[in-house]
Amino acid sequence: MTKTELNQPSSKKRQPTRRDFLLLTASAVGTLGVGYFAWPFIDSMNPAADILAQSTVDVDLSLIPAGQAITVIWRGKPIFVRHRTPKEIKAAEQVPLSELIDPETDQERVKKGHDEWLIVIGICTHLGCIPTGNKPTQDRGKYGGWACPCHGSLYDTSGRVRRGPAPANLGIPPYVFLNPTHIRLGVNEVSHG
């Protein structure tokens, strides 16, 4: 071949060679090998089964009189468990959604058939303060729920934000009723009826 023939564009497409096949095959096998050896390391970052078992908390509701609440610590967070009175339930159900900063019905915030029990994460959704109102002697605010002492957010008897800088309602932790007087907070949500 002359120098002129080498510089001329080829009108033929280059055909795959054995070298191309070997390169593609080696790359695929290498990628699978890296994934095979990396997976145990990645999987080891998940919590162990014994740790997950400890991440649940059982609460005896029979010890909480109507109109009272307790604080339970779950995963380092305060959980407010309130035994609501019929008056508190009625007040929560009658609030028009148009009056709420974060519209949610009371029925969406409690388990069906267990309207008297409200379980919420006791952390203000503004800057993470712990609202008052779980003890009978504490300020529950204008709406009868909880009052944040830091910046003045007020929550109603359904844990919905009604006033203040808080942008959202108090969170609902994962929980199930084990029976009418016991709940389980946490990840192992196995329904027992």
Protein backbone atom coordinates (compact mmCIF):
# COMPACT_ATOMS: atom_id res chain seq x y z
CA MET A 1 0.00 0.00 0.00
CA THR A 2 1.14 3.41 -0.81
CA LYS A 3 0.99 6.40 1.44
CA THR A 4 -1.94 7.85 -0.54
CA GLU A 5 -3.99 4.69 -0.11
CA LEU A 6 -3.53 4.80 3.68
CA ASN A 7 -4.80 8.38 3.96
CA GLN A 8 -7.98 7.76 1.94
CA PRO A 9 -11.19 7.26 3.94
CA SER A 10 -12.42 3.72 3.88
CA SER A 11 -15.97 3.25 2.72
CA LYS A 12 -16.15 -0.15 4.43
CA LYS A 13 -17.20 -0.49 8.07
CA ARG A 14 -14.71 -2.21 10.27
CA GLN A 15 -15.81 -5.74 11.09
CA PRO A 16 -15.63 -6.95 14.69
CA THR A 17 -12.59 -9.02 15.34
CA ARG A 18 -11.76 -11.77 17.74
CA ARG A 19 -9.89 -9.18 19.81
CA ASP A 20 -13.11 -7.09 20.16
CA PHE A 21 -15.02 -10.15 21.33
CA LEU A 22 -12.36 -11.04 23.91
CA LEU A 23 -12.25 -7.45 25.20
CA LEU A 24 -16.05 -7.30 25.58
CA THR A 25 -16.16 -10.71 27.28
CA ALA A 26 -13.32 -9.84 29.69
CA SER A 27 -15.05 -6.54 30.59
CA ALA A 28 -18.35 -8.29 31.33
CA VAL A 29 -16.70 -11.00 33.44
CA GLY A 30 -14.67 -8.35 35.29
CA THR A 31 -17.80 -6.31 36.08
CA LEU A 32 -19.62 -9.39 37.37
CA GLY A 33 -16.60 -10.33 39.46
CA VAL A 34 -16.40 -6.91 41.09
CA GLY A 35 -20.14 -7.07 41.87
CA TYR A 36 -19.78 -10.58 43.30
CA PHE A 37 -17.01 -9.55 45.68
CA ALA A 38 -18.49 -6.13 46.56
CA TRP A 39 -21.97 -7.40 47.48
CA PRO A 40 -20.98 -8.97 50.85
CA PHE A 41 -19.34 -5.68 51.85
CA ILE A 42 -22.40 -3.63 50.84
CA ASP A 43 -24.75 -6.11 52.53
CA SER A 44 -22.73 -5.94 55.76
CA MET A 45 -23.80 -2.30 56.14
CA ASN A 46 -27.42 -3.38 56.78
CA PRO A 47 -28.38 -3.79 60.45
CA ALA A 48 -28.24 -7.34 61.79
CA ALA A 49 -31.43 -9.20 62.67
CA ASP A 50 -30.73 -8.93 66.43
CA ILE A 51 -30.37 -5.16 66.11
CA LEU A 52 -33.62 -4.91 64.15
CA ALA A 53 -35.36 -6.94 66.86
CA GLN A 54 -34.21 -4.39 69.46
CA SER A 55 -35.58 -1.56 67.35
CA THR A 56 -39.14 -2.33 68.46
CA VAL A 57 -40.81 -1.16 71.64
CA ASP A 58 -43.97 -2.65 73.11
CA VAL A 59 -46.27 -0.27 75.00
CA ASP A 60 -48.99 -1.25 77.49
CA LEU A 61 -51.89 1.14 76.85
CA SER A 62 -53.98 -0.08 79.80
CA LEU A 63 -51.89 2.09 82.15
CA ILE A 64 -52.86 5.37 80.42
CA PRO A 65 -56.13 6.92 81.64
CA ALA A 66 -58.36 8.83 79.19
CA GLY A 67 -57.16 12.40 78.71
CA GLN A 68 -53.57 11.51 79.65
CA ALA A 69 -50.44 10.75 77.68
CA ILE A 70 -47.04 9.15 78.13
CA THR A 71 -43.71 9.57 76.41
CA VAL A 72 -41.90 6.48 75.16
CA ILE A 73 -38.39 6.55 73.70
CA TRP A 74 -38.07 4.69 70.40
CA ARG A 75 -34.88 4.86 68.32
CA GLY A 76 -33.77 7.82 70.41
CA LYS A 77 -36.94 9.79 69.64
CA PRO A 78 -39.75 10.75 72.01
CA ILE A 79 -43.03 9.13 71.03
CA PHE A 80 -46.19 10.66 72.47
CA VAL A 81 -48.92 8.11 73.20
CA ARG A 82 -52.17 9.89 74.07
CA HIS A 83 -55.42 8.31 75.24
CA ARG A 84 -57.88 10.80 73.81
CA THR A 85 -61.25 11.57 75.34
CA PRO A 86 -64.42 11.54 73.22
CA LYS A 87 -64.39 15.35 73.42
CA GLU A 88 -60.80 15.48 72.02
CA ILE A 89 -61.70 13.07 69.22
CA LYS A 90 -64.79 15.07 68.28
CA ALA A 91 -62.80 18.33 68.27
CA ALA A 92 -60.17 16.78 65.98
CA GLU A 93 -62.75 15.34 63.58
CA GLN A 94 -64.66 18.62 63.24
CA VAL A 95 -61.73 20.77 62.07
CA PRO A 96 -62.21 21.90 58.45
CA LEU A 97 -59.22 20.87 56.31
CA SER A 98 -59.08 24.44 54.93
CA GLU A 99 -57.95 25.63 58.40
CA LEU A 100 -54.94 23.32 58.48
CA ILE A 101 -51.37 24.16 57.43
CA ASP A 102 -50.77 20.49 56.53
CA PRO A 103 -54.27 19.16 55.71
CA GLU A 104 -54.90 15.66 57.02
CA THR A 105 -58.07 14.17 58.46
CA ASP A 106 -58.08 12.73 61.97
CA GLN A 107 -58.95 9.30 60.50
CA GLU A 108 -55.71 9.37 58.48
CA ARG A 109 -53.69 9.86 61.66
CA VAL A 110 -55.10 7.02 63.80
CA LYS A 111 -55.58 3.30 63.26
CA LYS A 112 -59.08 2.30 62.23
CA GLY A 113 -61.13 1.16 65.21
CA HIS A 114 -58.66 2.73 67.66
CA ASP A 115 -59.68 6.41 67.44
CA GLU A 116 -59.00 7.00 71.13
CA TRP A 117 -55.27 6.36 70.67
CA LEU A 118 -53.02 8.92 69.01
CA ILE A 119 -49.37 7.95 68.60
CA VAL A 120 -47.04 10.65 67.22
CA ILE A 121 -43.33 11.43 67.07
CA GLY A 122 -42.85 14.15 69.70
CA ILE A 123 -40.52 16.36 67.68
CA CYS A 124 -41.64 19.74 66.33
CA THR A 125 -41.41 19.77 62.55
CA HIS A 126 -39.93 23.27 62.55
CA LEU A 127 -36.51 22.92 64.18
CA GLY A 128 -36.75 19.71 66.19
CA CYS A 129 -37.76 20.97 69.64
CA ILE A 130 -39.86 18.75 71.90
CA PRO A 131 -43.36 20.19 72.34
CA THR A 132 -44.99 20.39 75.77
CA GLY A 133 -48.43 19.02 76.57
CA ASN A 134 -47.85 15.39 77.37
CA LYS A 135 -48.04 15.98 81.12
CA PRO A 136 -51.28 17.32 82.63
CA THR A 137 -49.42 20.31 84.12
CA GLN A 138 -47.86 21.37 80.80
CA ASP A 139 -49.21 23.90 78.33
CA ARG A 140 -51.19 22.19 75.56
CA GLY A 141 -51.83 25.41 73.67
CA LYS A 142 -55.01 26.91 72.26
CA TYR A 143 -55.93 23.72 70.36
CA GLY A 144 -55.53 21.25 73.23
CA GLY A 145 -52.71 19.21 71.71
CA TRP A 146 -49.10 20.31 72.11
CA ALA A 147 -47.24 23.62 72.19
CA CYS A 148 -43.66 24.07 71.01
CA PRO A 149 -41.80 26.18 73.58
CA CYS A 150 -39.08 27.21 71.11
CA HIS A 151 -40.93 29.11 68.39
CA GLY A 152 -44.62 28.88 69.28
CA SER A 153 -45.99 26.22 66.95
CA LEU A 154 -49.30 24.80 68.20
CA TYR A 155 -50.69 21.33 67.48
CA ASP A 156 -54.24 20.05 67.97
CA THR A 157 -55.54 16.83 69.53
CA SER A 158 -54.67 14.99 66.31
CA GLY A 159 -51.06 16.23 66.27
CA ARG A 160 -51.76 18.54 63.32
CA VAL A 161 -49.97 21.88 63.18
CA ARG A 162 -52.46 24.72 63.61
CA ARG A 163 -50.24 27.74 64.15
CA GLY A 164 -46.61 28.73 64.00
CA PRO A 165 -43.60 28.21 61.82
CA ALA A 166 -43.85 24.40 61.80
CA PRO A 167 -44.52 23.34 58.19
CA ALA A 168 -45.96 19.88 58.86
CA ASN A 169 -47.94 17.79 61.33
CA LEU A 170 -46.22 15.71 64.00
CA GLY A 171 -45.01 12.50 62.36
CA ILE A 172 -46.64 9.12 62.85
CA PRO A 173 -44.20 6.32 63.71
CA PRO A 174 -44.76 2.80 62.35
CA TYR A 175 -46.80 0.83 64.86
CA VAL A 176 -49.34 -1.97 65.11
CA PHE A 177 -51.88 -3.01 67.70
CA LEU A 178 -50.89 -6.42 69.10
CA ASN A 179 -54.21 -6.52 70.98
CA PRO A 180 -56.62 -3.82 72.24
CA THR A 181 -54.27 -2.79 75.06
CA HIS A 182 -50.79 -3.23 73.55
CA ILE A 183 -48.97 -1.65 70.61
CA ARG A 184 -45.59 -2.33 69.06
CA LEU A 185 -43.55 0.56 67.73
CA GLY A 186 -40.96 -0.25 65.10
CA VAL A 187 -40.01 -2.04 61.95
CA ASN A 188 -41.32 -5.51 62.74
CA GLU A 189 -44.87 -4.69 61.78
CA VAL A 190 -46.62 -8.04 62.01
CA SER A 191 -50.33 -7.64 62.53
CA HIS A 192 -51.83 -9.80 65.26
CA GLY A 193 -55.44 -8.87 64.71
